[in-house]
Amino acid sequence: MKLIALLVFASLISACAEVKPWQRDKLAKPEMTFNDDALGEQLDKQVYNSKEAAHGGGSVSGGGCGCN
């Protein structure tokens, strides 16, 4: 059992790779994000901040009335 766990751990570590600075532009593309609906996420943050009546740490300003 320990041998299997060691092999799984070794295979997971070997999958890590160093990303060069000139390769980071490919990772920064919108297709590489987990959330494919940026507008929907922004609207969800607005609704959350409006319902909480507070200005949180998100990118949405305002709070309380939901008019922003």
N, C-alpha and C. Protein backbone atom coordinates (compact mmCIF):
# COMPACT_ATOMS: atom_id res chain seq x y z
N MET A 1 0.83 -1.20 0.00
CA MET A 1 0.00 0.00 0.00
C MET A 1 0.87 1.27 0.00
N LYS A 2 1.96 1.20 0.79
CA LYS A 2 2.86 2.36 0.83
C LYS A 2 3.53 2.57 -0.51
N LEU A 3 3.84 1.48 -1.20
CA LEU A 3 4.48 1.58 -2.50
C LEU A 3 3.55 2.24 -3.52
N ILE A 4 2.28 1.87 -3.48
CA ILE A 4 1.30 2.48 -4.40
C ILE A 4 1.15 3.96 -4.10
N ALA A 5 1.08 4.33 -2.82
CA ALA A 5 0.96 5.74 -2.44
C ALA A 5 2.19 6.51 -2.88
N LEU A 6 3.36 5.91 -2.74
CA LEU A 6 4.60 6.56 -3.17
C LEU A 6 4.63 6.76 -4.68
N LEU A 7 4.18 5.76 -5.44
CA LEU A 7 4.15 5.89 -6.90
C LEU A 7 3.15 6.95 -7.36
N VAL A 8 2.00 7.01 -6.70
CA VAL A 8 1.01 8.04 -7.05
C VAL A 8 1.57 9.42 -6.73
N PHE A 9 2.20 9.56 -5.58
CA PHE A 9 2.78 10.85 -5.20
C PHE A 9 3.89 11.26 -6.16
N ALA A 10 4.73 10.32 -6.55
CA ALA A 10 5.82 10.61 -7.48
C ALA A 10 5.27 11.02 -8.85
N SER A 11 4.20 10.39 -9.28
CA SER A 11 3.63 10.75 -10.59
C SER A 11 2.98 12.13 -10.54
N LEU A 12 2.40 12.49 -9.41
CA LEU A 12 1.81 13.83 -9.29
C LEU A 12 2.87 14.91 -9.27
N ILE A 13 3.96 14.66 -8.60
CA ILE A 13 5.04 15.65 -8.54
C ILE A 13 5.71 15.81 -9.90
N SER A 14 5.84 14.74 -10.64
CA SER A 14 6.51 14.83 -11.93
C SER A 14 5.69 15.59 -12.96
N ALA A 15 4.42 15.84 -12.70
CA ALA A 15 3.58 16.57 -13.64
C ALA A 15 3.76 18.07 -13.52
N CYS A 16 4.44 18.54 -12.49
CA CYS A 16 4.67 19.98 -12.32
C CYS A 16 5.73 20.45 -13.32
N ALA A 17 5.53 21.64 -13.84
CA ALA A 17 6.49 22.18 -14.80
C ALA A 17 6.67 23.67 -14.53
N GLU A 18 7.85 24.15 -14.81
CA GLU A 18 8.14 25.57 -14.65
C GLU A 18 7.62 26.32 -15.88
N VAL A 19 6.94 27.42 -15.65
CA VAL A 19 6.40 28.23 -16.75
C VAL A 19 7.34 29.41 -16.96
N LYS A 20 7.85 29.51 -18.15
CA LYS A 20 8.76 30.59 -18.49
C LYS A 20 7.97 31.89 -18.66
N PRO A 21 8.61 33.05 -18.46
CA PRO A 21 7.89 34.32 -18.60
C PRO A 21 7.26 34.52 -19.97
N TRP A 22 7.89 34.03 -21.02
CA TRP A 22 7.35 34.22 -22.36
C TRP A 22 6.22 33.23 -22.67
N GLN A 23 5.99 32.26 -21.78
CA GLN A 23 4.90 31.31 -21.96
C GLN A 23 3.64 31.74 -21.20
N ARG A 24 3.76 32.71 -20.34
CA ARG A 24 2.64 33.10 -19.49
C ARG A 24 1.52 33.77 -20.26
N ASP A 25 1.80 34.31 -21.43
CA ASP A 25 0.74 34.95 -22.21
C ASP A 25 -0.30 33.93 -22.66
N LYS A 26 0.11 32.71 -22.90
CA LYS A 26 -0.85 31.67 -23.28
C LYS A 26 -1.75 31.30 -22.11
N LEU A 27 -1.21 31.35 -20.89
CA LEU A 27 -2.00 31.01 -19.71
C LEU A 27 -2.93 32.15 -19.30
N ALA A 28 -2.66 33.36 -19.75
CA ALA A 28 -3.47 34.51 -19.37
C ALA A 28 -4.65 34.74 -20.31
N LYS A 29 -4.82 33.90 -21.30
CA LYS A 29 -5.94 34.06 -22.24
C LYS A 29 -7.26 33.76 -21.55
N PRO A 30 -8.35 34.37 -22.00
CA PRO A 30 -9.66 34.12 -21.39
C PRO A 30 -10.10 32.67 -21.46
N GLU A 31 -9.63 31.94 -22.45
CA GLU A 31 -10.02 30.53 -22.58
C GLU A 31 -9.45 29.67 -21.44
N MET A 32 -8.43 30.16 -20.76
CA MET A 32 -7.77 29.39 -19.72
C MET A 32 -8.38 29.61 -18.34
N THR A 33 -9.40 30.43 -18.22
CA THR A 33 -10.01 30.68 -16.92
C THR A 33 -11.02 29.59 -16.60
N PHE A 34 -11.28 29.42 -15.32
CA PHE A 34 -12.26 28.44 -14.89
C PHE A 34 -13.67 28.96 -15.12
N ASN A 35 -13.85 30.26 -15.00
CA ASN A 35 -15.16 30.86 -15.17
C ASN A 35 -15.27 31.39 -16.59
N ASP A 36 -16.18 30.86 -17.36
CA ASP A 36 -16.33 31.31 -18.74
C ASP A 36 -17.38 32.40 -18.88
N ASP A 37 -18.00 32.81 -17.78
CA ASP A 37 -19.04 33.83 -17.82
C ASP A 37 -18.64 34.98 -16.90
N ALA A 38 -17.75 35.85 -17.38
CA ALA A 38 -17.24 36.94 -16.56
C ALA A 38 -18.35 37.95 -16.23
N LEU A 39 -19.24 38.23 -17.18
CA LEU A 39 -20.32 39.17 -16.92
C LEU A 39 -21.28 38.61 -15.87
N GLY A 40 -21.58 37.34 -15.96
CA GLY A 40 -22.45 36.72 -14.96
C GLY A 40 -21.84 36.74 -13.57
N GLU A 41 -20.53 36.54 -13.50
CA GLU A 41 -19.86 36.59 -12.20
C GLU A 41 -19.90 38.01 -11.63
N GLN A 42 -19.72 39.01 -12.47
CA GLN A 42 -19.77 40.40 -12.01
C GLN A 42 -21.19 40.75 -11.53
N LEU A 43 -22.20 40.28 -12.23
CA LEU A 43 -23.58 40.52 -11.80
C LEU A 43 -23.88 39.80 -10.49
N ASP A 44 -23.38 38.59 -10.33
CA ASP A 44 -23.56 37.87 -9.07
C ASP A 44 -22.92 38.62 -7.91
N LYS A 45 -21.74 39.19 -8.14
CA LYS A 45 -21.08 39.98 -7.09
C LYS A 45 -21.90 41.21 -6.74
N GLN A 46 -22.49 41.84 -7.76
CA GLN A 46 -23.31 43.03 -7.52
C GLN A 46 -24.53 42.67 -6.68
N VAL A 47 -25.19 41.59 -7.01
CA VAL A 47 -26.37 41.16 -6.25
C VAL A 47 -25.97 40.79 -4.84
N TYR A 48 -24.85 40.09 -4.68
CA TYR A 48 -24.40 39.70 -3.34
C TYR A 48 -24.10 40.93 -2.49
N ASN A 49 -23.36 41.90 -3.07
CA ASN A 49 -23.03 43.11 -2.32
C ASN A 49 -24.27 43.92 -1.99
N SER A 50 -25.25 43.93 -2.88
CA SER A 50 -26.48 44.67 -2.62
C SER A 50 -27.29 44.01 -1.51
N LYS A 51 -27.35 42.70 -1.50
CA LYS A 51 -28.12 42.01 -0.47
C LYS A 51 -27.44 42.06 0.89
N GLU A 52 -26.13 42.09 0.89
CA GLU A 52 -25.39 42.15 2.15
C GLU A 52 -25.34 43.58 2.69
N ALA A 53 -25.68 44.56 1.87
CA ALA A 53 -25.66 45.98 2.25
C ALA A 53 -24.28 46.39 2.72
N ALA A 54 -23.27 45.89 2.04
CA ALA A 54 -21.90 46.22 2.40
C ALA A 54 -21.04 46.26 1.15
N HIS A 55 -19.96 46.97 1.27
CA HIS A 55 -19.00 47.04 0.17
C HIS A 55 -17.89 46.06 0.48
N GLY A 56 -17.79 44.99 -0.30
CA GLY A 56 -16.84 43.93 -0.02
C GLY A 56 -15.52 44.12 -0.73
N GLY A 57 -14.74 43.06 -0.75
CA GLY A 57 -13.42 43.11 -1.37
C GLY A 57 -13.45 42.79 -2.85
N GLY A 58 -14.64 42.71 -3.45
CA GLY A 58 -14.73 42.41 -4.87
C GLY A 58 -14.49 43.63 -5.73
N SER A 59 -14.69 43.48 -7.01
CA SER A 59 -14.46 44.60 -7.93
C SER A 59 -15.70 45.45 -8.13
N VAL A 60 -16.78 45.14 -7.45
CA VAL A 60 -18.04 45.87 -7.60
C VAL A 60 -18.09 46.95 -6.53
N SER A 61 -18.39 48.18 -6.91
CA SER A 61 -18.47 49.26 -5.94
C SER A 61 -19.92 49.49 -5.52
N GLY A 62 -20.08 50.17 -4.41
CA GLY A 62 -21.40 50.49 -3.92
C GLY A 62 -21.93 49.46 -2.96
N GLY A 63 -23.21 49.48 -2.75
CA GLY A 63 -23.81 48.51 -1.86
C GLY A 63 -25.04 49.07 -1.18
N GLY A 64 -25.92 48.25 -0.75
CA GLY A 64 -27.11 48.68 -0.03
C GLY A 64 -28.33 48.73 -0.91
N CYS A 65 -28.33 49.59 -1.93
CA CYS A 65 -29.54 49.76 -2.72
C CYS A 65 -29.50 48.99 -4.04
N GLY A 66 -28.34 48.60 -4.50
CA GLY A 66 -28.24 47.85 -5.74
C GLY A 66 -28.35 48.71 -6.98
N CYS A 67 -28.17 50.02 -6.84
CA CYS A 67 -28.35 50.91 -7.98
C CYS A 67 -27.06 51.17 -8.73
N ASN A 68 -25.96 50.60 -8.35
CA ASN A 68 -24.69 50.85 -9.04
C ASN A 68 -24.51 49.86 -10.16
